[in-house]
Amino acid sequence: MGRKVAACRDFPSDNGCTLAIPGEEDEVVVATTQHAVSAHGHEDTDEVRGWLRQNLKDEVPTQ
């Protein structure tokens, strides 16, 4: 399994968040869920976690 990234800038938000969270898929889902709850007012539900997981992208290595 390759590294994934979740990036707030890919989605509309009221506060213009630009946070990106890279890592292994499961750890990104956990961290992104915590961020979605604390910064964006979402609830920590299976539905939210599933939506976040579906919207992860493959990380593009920088060199």
C-alpha atoms as a PDB file:
ATOM      1  CA  MET A   1       0.000   0.000   0.000  1.00  0.00           C
ATOM      2  CA  GLY A   2       1.479   3.357  -1.024  1.00  0.00           C
ATOM      3  CA  ARG A   3       1.361   6.576   0.895  1.00  0.00           C
ATOM      4  CA  LYS A   4      -1.765   8.720   0.678  1.00  0.00           C
ATOM      5  CA  VAL A   5      -2.555  12.379   1.212  1.00  0.00           C
ATOM      6  CA  ALA A   6      -5.662  14.245   2.302  1.00  0.00           C
ATOM      7  CA  ALA A   7      -5.724  17.915   1.341  1.00  0.00           C
ATOM      8  CA  CYS A   8      -8.333  20.388   2.564  1.00  0.00           C
ATOM      9  CA  ARG A   9      -7.573  22.693  -0.337  1.00  0.00           C
ATOM     10  CA  ASP A  10      -9.222  20.125  -2.627  1.00  0.00           C
ATOM     11  CA  PHE A  11     -12.606  20.814  -1.001  1.00  0.00           C
ATOM     12  CA  PRO A  12     -14.593  24.002  -0.400  1.00  0.00           C
ATOM     13  CA  SER A  13     -14.449  25.237   3.182  1.00  0.00           C
ATOM     14  CA  ASP A  14     -15.670  28.254   5.090  1.00  0.00           C
ATOM     15  CA  ASN A  15     -12.232  28.999   6.500  1.00  0.00           C
ATOM     16  CA  GLY A  16     -10.118  28.433   3.353  1.00  0.00           C
ATOM     17  CA  CYS A  17      -8.125  25.640   5.007  1.00  0.00           C
ATOM     18  CA  THR A  18      -5.023  24.495   3.109  1.00  0.00           C
ATOM     19  CA  LEU A  19      -3.809  21.705   5.408  1.00  0.00           C
ATOM     20  CA  ALA A  20      -2.437  18.555   3.738  1.00  0.00           C
ATOM     21  CA  ILE A  21      -1.879  15.348   5.703  1.00  0.00           C
ATOM     22  CA  PRO A  22       0.354  12.690   4.102  1.00  0.00           C
ATOM     23  CA  GLY A  23       1.145   9.195   5.375  1.00  0.00           C
ATOM     24  CA  GLU A  24      -0.023   5.603   5.348  1.00  0.00           C
ATOM     25  CA  GLU A  25      -3.747   5.303   4.562  1.00  0.00           C
ATOM     26  CA  ASP A  26      -5.001   4.311   8.025  1.00  0.00           C
ATOM     27  CA  GLU A  27      -2.992   6.978   9.850  1.00  0.00           C
ATOM     28  CA  VAL A  28      -4.130   9.654   7.385  1.00  0.00           C
ATOM     29  CA  VAL A  29      -7.781   8.712   7.949  1.00  0.00           C
ATOM     30  CA  VAL A  30      -7.328   8.998  11.734  1.00  0.00           C
ATOM     31  CA  ALA A  31      -5.514  12.347  11.529  1.00  0.00           C
ATOM     32  CA  THR A  32      -7.876  13.738   8.899  1.00  0.00           C
ATOM     33  CA  THR A  33     -10.900  12.739  10.951  1.00  0.00           C
ATOM     34  CA  GLN A  34      -9.480  14.521  14.003  1.00  0.00           C
ATOM     35  CA  HIS A  35      -8.844  17.608  11.869  1.00  0.00           C
ATOM     36  CA  ALA A  36     -12.320  17.474  10.288  1.00  0.00           C
ATOM     37  CA  VAL A  37     -13.879  17.404  13.762  1.00  0.00           C
ATOM     38  CA  SER A  38     -11.708  20.070  15.409  1.00  0.00           C
ATOM     39  CA  ALA A  39     -11.316  22.526  12.514  1.00  0.00           C
ATOM     40  CA  HIS A  40     -14.418  21.991  10.393  1.00  0.00           C
ATOM     41  CA  GLY A  41     -17.125  20.946  12.848  1.00  0.00           C
ATOM     42  CA  HIS A  42     -17.781  17.480  11.416  1.00  0.00           C
ATOM     43  CA  GLU A  43     -18.740  14.562  13.635  1.00  0.00           C
ATOM     44  CA  ASP A  44     -16.520  11.498  14.022  1.00  0.00           C
ATOM     45  CA  THR A  45     -18.780   8.919  12.368  1.00  0.00           C
ATOM     46  CA  ASP A  46     -18.214   5.879  10.172  1.00  0.00           C
ATOM     47  CA  GLU A  47     -19.821   7.821   7.318  1.00  0.00           C
ATOM     48  CA  VAL A  48     -17.356  10.722   7.655  1.00  0.00           C
ATOM     49  CA  ARG A  49     -14.376   8.344   7.942  1.00  0.00           C
ATOM     50  CA  GLY A  50     -15.571   6.445   4.858  1.00  0.00           C
ATOM     51  CA  TRP A  51     -15.987   9.652   2.868  1.00  0.00           C
ATOM     52  CA  LEU A  52     -12.527  10.826   3.892  1.00  0.00           C
ATOM     53  CA  ARG A  53     -10.983   7.460   2.977  1.00  0.00           C
ATOM     54  CA  GLN A  54     -12.658   7.529  -0.458  1.00  0.00           C
ATOM     55  CA  ASN A  55     -11.254  10.984  -1.151  1.00  0.00           C
ATOM     56  CA  LEU A  56      -7.609  10.256  -0.341  1.00  0.00           C
ATOM     57  CA  LYS A  57      -5.158  10.682  -3.189  1.00  0.00           C
ATOM     58  CA  ASP A  58      -1.874   8.955  -3.862  1.00  0.00           C
ATOM     59  CA  GLU A  59       1.021  10.984  -2.513  1.00  0.00           C
ATOM     60  CA  VAL A  60       3.285  12.373  -5.220  1.00  0.00           C
ATOM     61  CA  PRO A  61       6.887  12.139  -4.001  1.00  0.00           C
ATOM     62  CA  THR A  62       8.900  15.340  -4.208  1.00  0.00           C
ATOM     63  CA  GLN A  63      12.507  15.153  -5.221  1.00  0.00           C
END
